[in-house]
Amino acid sequence: MTITDQIEINPKVMMGKPVIRNTRITVELILRKISEGASEADFWPLIQQN
């Protein structure tokens, strides 16, 4: 599995921002949260809700 298998860009989803495939979680949000000190475990509840 490559990064392109996990990230999609669709003009109809989140105004074309890159998102985690099949979610509305933007790559921008993930990078921002990591820079604020979030861990990988902090993201699982978000991904599983979608």
N, C-alpha and C. Protein backbone atom coordinates (compact mmCIF):
# COMPACT_ATOMS: atom_id res chain seq x y z
N MET A 1 0.85 -1.18 0.00
CA MET A 1 0.00 0.00 0.00
C MET A 1 0.90 1.24 0.00
N THR A 2 0.63 2.16 -0.92
CA THR A 2 1.40 3.39 -0.99
C THR A 2 0.58 4.55 -0.46
N ILE A 3 1.22 5.68 -0.32
CA ILE A 3 0.53 6.87 0.18
C ILE A 3 -0.62 7.28 -0.74
N THR A 4 -0.46 7.04 -2.04
CA THR A 4 -1.53 7.40 -2.97
C THR A 4 -2.74 6.48 -2.85
N ASP A 5 -2.57 5.32 -2.23
CA ASP A 5 -3.70 4.45 -1.96
C ASP A 5 -4.52 4.94 -0.78
N GLN A 6 -3.93 5.78 0.06
CA GLN A 6 -4.57 6.22 1.29
C GLN A 6 -5.09 7.65 1.22
N ILE A 7 -4.60 8.45 0.28
CA ILE A 7 -4.97 9.85 0.18
C ILE A 7 -5.64 10.08 -1.17
N GLU A 8 -6.72 10.85 -1.16
CA GLU A 8 -7.39 11.17 -2.41
C GLU A 8 -7.65 12.67 -2.50
N ILE A 9 -7.73 13.15 -3.72
CA ILE A 9 -8.07 14.54 -3.99
C ILE A 9 -9.28 14.51 -4.92
N ASN A 10 -10.37 15.06 -4.42
CA ASN A 10 -11.62 15.08 -5.17
C ASN A 10 -12.22 16.47 -5.03
N PRO A 11 -12.48 17.17 -6.12
CA PRO A 11 -13.03 18.52 -6.02
C PRO A 11 -14.37 18.58 -5.29
N LYS A 12 -15.06 17.47 -5.19
CA LYS A 12 -16.36 17.44 -4.53
C LYS A 12 -16.27 17.15 -3.03
N VAL A 13 -15.06 16.88 -2.54
CA VAL A 13 -14.87 16.56 -1.12
C VAL A 13 -13.93 17.58 -0.51
N MET A 14 -14.39 18.28 0.51
CA MET A 14 -13.59 19.26 1.25
C MET A 14 -12.90 20.26 0.31
N MET A 15 -13.64 20.71 -0.69
CA MET A 15 -13.16 21.72 -1.64
C MET A 15 -11.86 21.31 -2.33
N GLY A 16 -11.67 20.03 -2.54
CA GLY A 16 -10.51 19.54 -3.28
C GLY A 16 -9.24 19.38 -2.47
N LYS A 17 -9.31 19.59 -1.16
CA LYS A 17 -8.12 19.39 -0.32
C LYS A 17 -7.82 17.89 -0.24
N PRO A 18 -6.55 17.53 -0.10
CA PRO A 18 -6.22 16.11 0.06
C PRO A 18 -6.81 15.58 1.37
N VAL A 19 -7.48 14.44 1.29
CA VAL A 19 -8.11 13.83 2.46
C VAL A 19 -7.71 12.36 2.55
N ILE A 20 -7.88 11.79 3.74
CA ILE A 20 -7.71 10.35 3.91
C ILE A 20 -8.87 9.70 3.16
N ARG A 21 -8.57 8.74 2.32
CA ARG A 21 -9.56 8.10 1.45
C ARG A 21 -10.79 7.65 2.25
N ASN A 22 -11.96 7.93 1.71
CA ASN A 22 -13.26 7.56 2.29
C ASN A 22 -13.57 8.28 3.60
N THR A 23 -12.91 9.40 3.85
CA THR A 23 -13.23 10.23 5.02
C THR A 23 -13.24 11.68 4.58
N ARG A 24 -13.54 12.55 5.51
CA ARG A 24 -13.41 13.99 5.29
C ARG A 24 -12.31 14.56 6.19
N ILE A 25 -11.38 13.71 6.56
CA ILE A 25 -10.25 14.12 7.39
C ILE A 25 -9.14 14.60 6.46
N THR A 26 -8.82 15.89 6.54
CA THR A 26 -7.83 16.44 5.62
C THR A 26 -6.41 16.13 6.09
N VAL A 27 -5.52 16.05 5.13
CA VAL A 27 -4.10 15.88 5.43
C VAL A 27 -3.62 17.09 6.23
N GLU A 28 -4.13 18.25 5.90
CA GLU A 28 -3.77 19.48 6.63
C GLU A 28 -4.09 19.34 8.11
N LEU A 29 -5.26 18.80 8.45
CA LEU A 29 -5.64 18.61 9.85
C LEU A 29 -4.68 17.66 10.55
N ILE A 30 -4.35 16.57 9.91
CA ILE A 30 -3.44 15.60 10.52
C ILE A 30 -2.07 16.21 10.77
N LEU A 31 -1.55 16.94 9.78
CA LEU A 31 -0.24 17.58 9.97
C LEU A 31 -0.27 18.62 11.08
N ARG A 32 -1.37 19.37 11.15
CA ARG A 32 -1.49 20.39 12.21
C ARG A 32 -1.52 19.72 13.58
N LYS A 33 -2.30 18.65 13.71
CA LYS A 33 -2.40 17.96 15.00
C LYS A 33 -1.07 17.32 15.40
N ILE A 34 -0.34 16.77 14.44
CA ILE A 34 0.98 16.20 14.75
C ILE A 34 1.92 17.29 15.24
N SER A 35 1.86 18.46 14.60
CA SER A 35 2.74 19.55 15.04
C SER A 35 2.38 20.05 16.43
N GLU A 36 1.13 19.81 16.85
CA GLU A 36 0.69 20.19 18.20
C GLU A 36 0.96 19.10 19.22
N GLY A 37 1.52 17.97 18.77
CA GLY A 37 1.90 16.91 19.70
C GLY A 37 0.98 15.70 19.72
N ALA A 38 0.03 15.62 18.81
CA ALA A 38 -0.87 14.46 18.78
C ALA A 38 -0.11 13.21 18.36
N SER A 39 -0.57 12.07 18.85
CA SER A 39 0.04 10.80 18.49
C SER A 39 -0.84 10.07 17.48
N GLU A 40 -0.32 9.00 16.92
CA GLU A 40 -1.09 8.21 15.96
C GLU A 40 -2.38 7.69 16.60
N ALA A 41 -2.30 7.31 17.87
CA ALA A 41 -3.48 6.79 18.57
C ALA A 41 -4.59 7.82 18.68
N ASP A 42 -4.26 9.09 18.66
CA ASP A 42 -5.28 10.15 18.74
C ASP A 42 -6.16 10.19 17.50
N PHE A 43 -5.68 9.64 16.38
CA PHE A 43 -6.43 9.72 15.13
C PHE A 43 -7.39 8.55 14.91
N TRP A 44 -7.15 7.42 15.55
CA TRP A 44 -7.99 6.25 15.30
C TRP A 44 -9.47 6.50 15.59
N PRO A 45 -9.84 7.17 16.67
CA PRO A 45 -11.27 7.43 16.87
C PRO A 45 -11.89 8.27 15.74
N LEU A 46 -11.13 9.20 15.20
CA LEU A 46 -11.64 10.01 14.09
C LEU A 46 -11.87 9.18 12.84
N ILE A 47 -10.92 8.31 12.54
CA ILE A 47 -11.00 7.51 11.33
C ILE A 47 -12.12 6.47 11.44
N GLN A 48 -12.29 5.89 12.60
CA GLN A 48 -13.30 4.85 12.76
C GLN A 48 -14.72 5.41 12.80
N GLN A 49 -14.89 6.69 13.09
CA GLN A 49 -16.21 7.30 13.09
C GLN A 49 -16.73 7.45 11.67
N ASN A 50 -15.83 7.62 10.70
CA ASN A 50 -16.23 7.89 9.33
C ASN A 50 -16.48 6.67 8.57
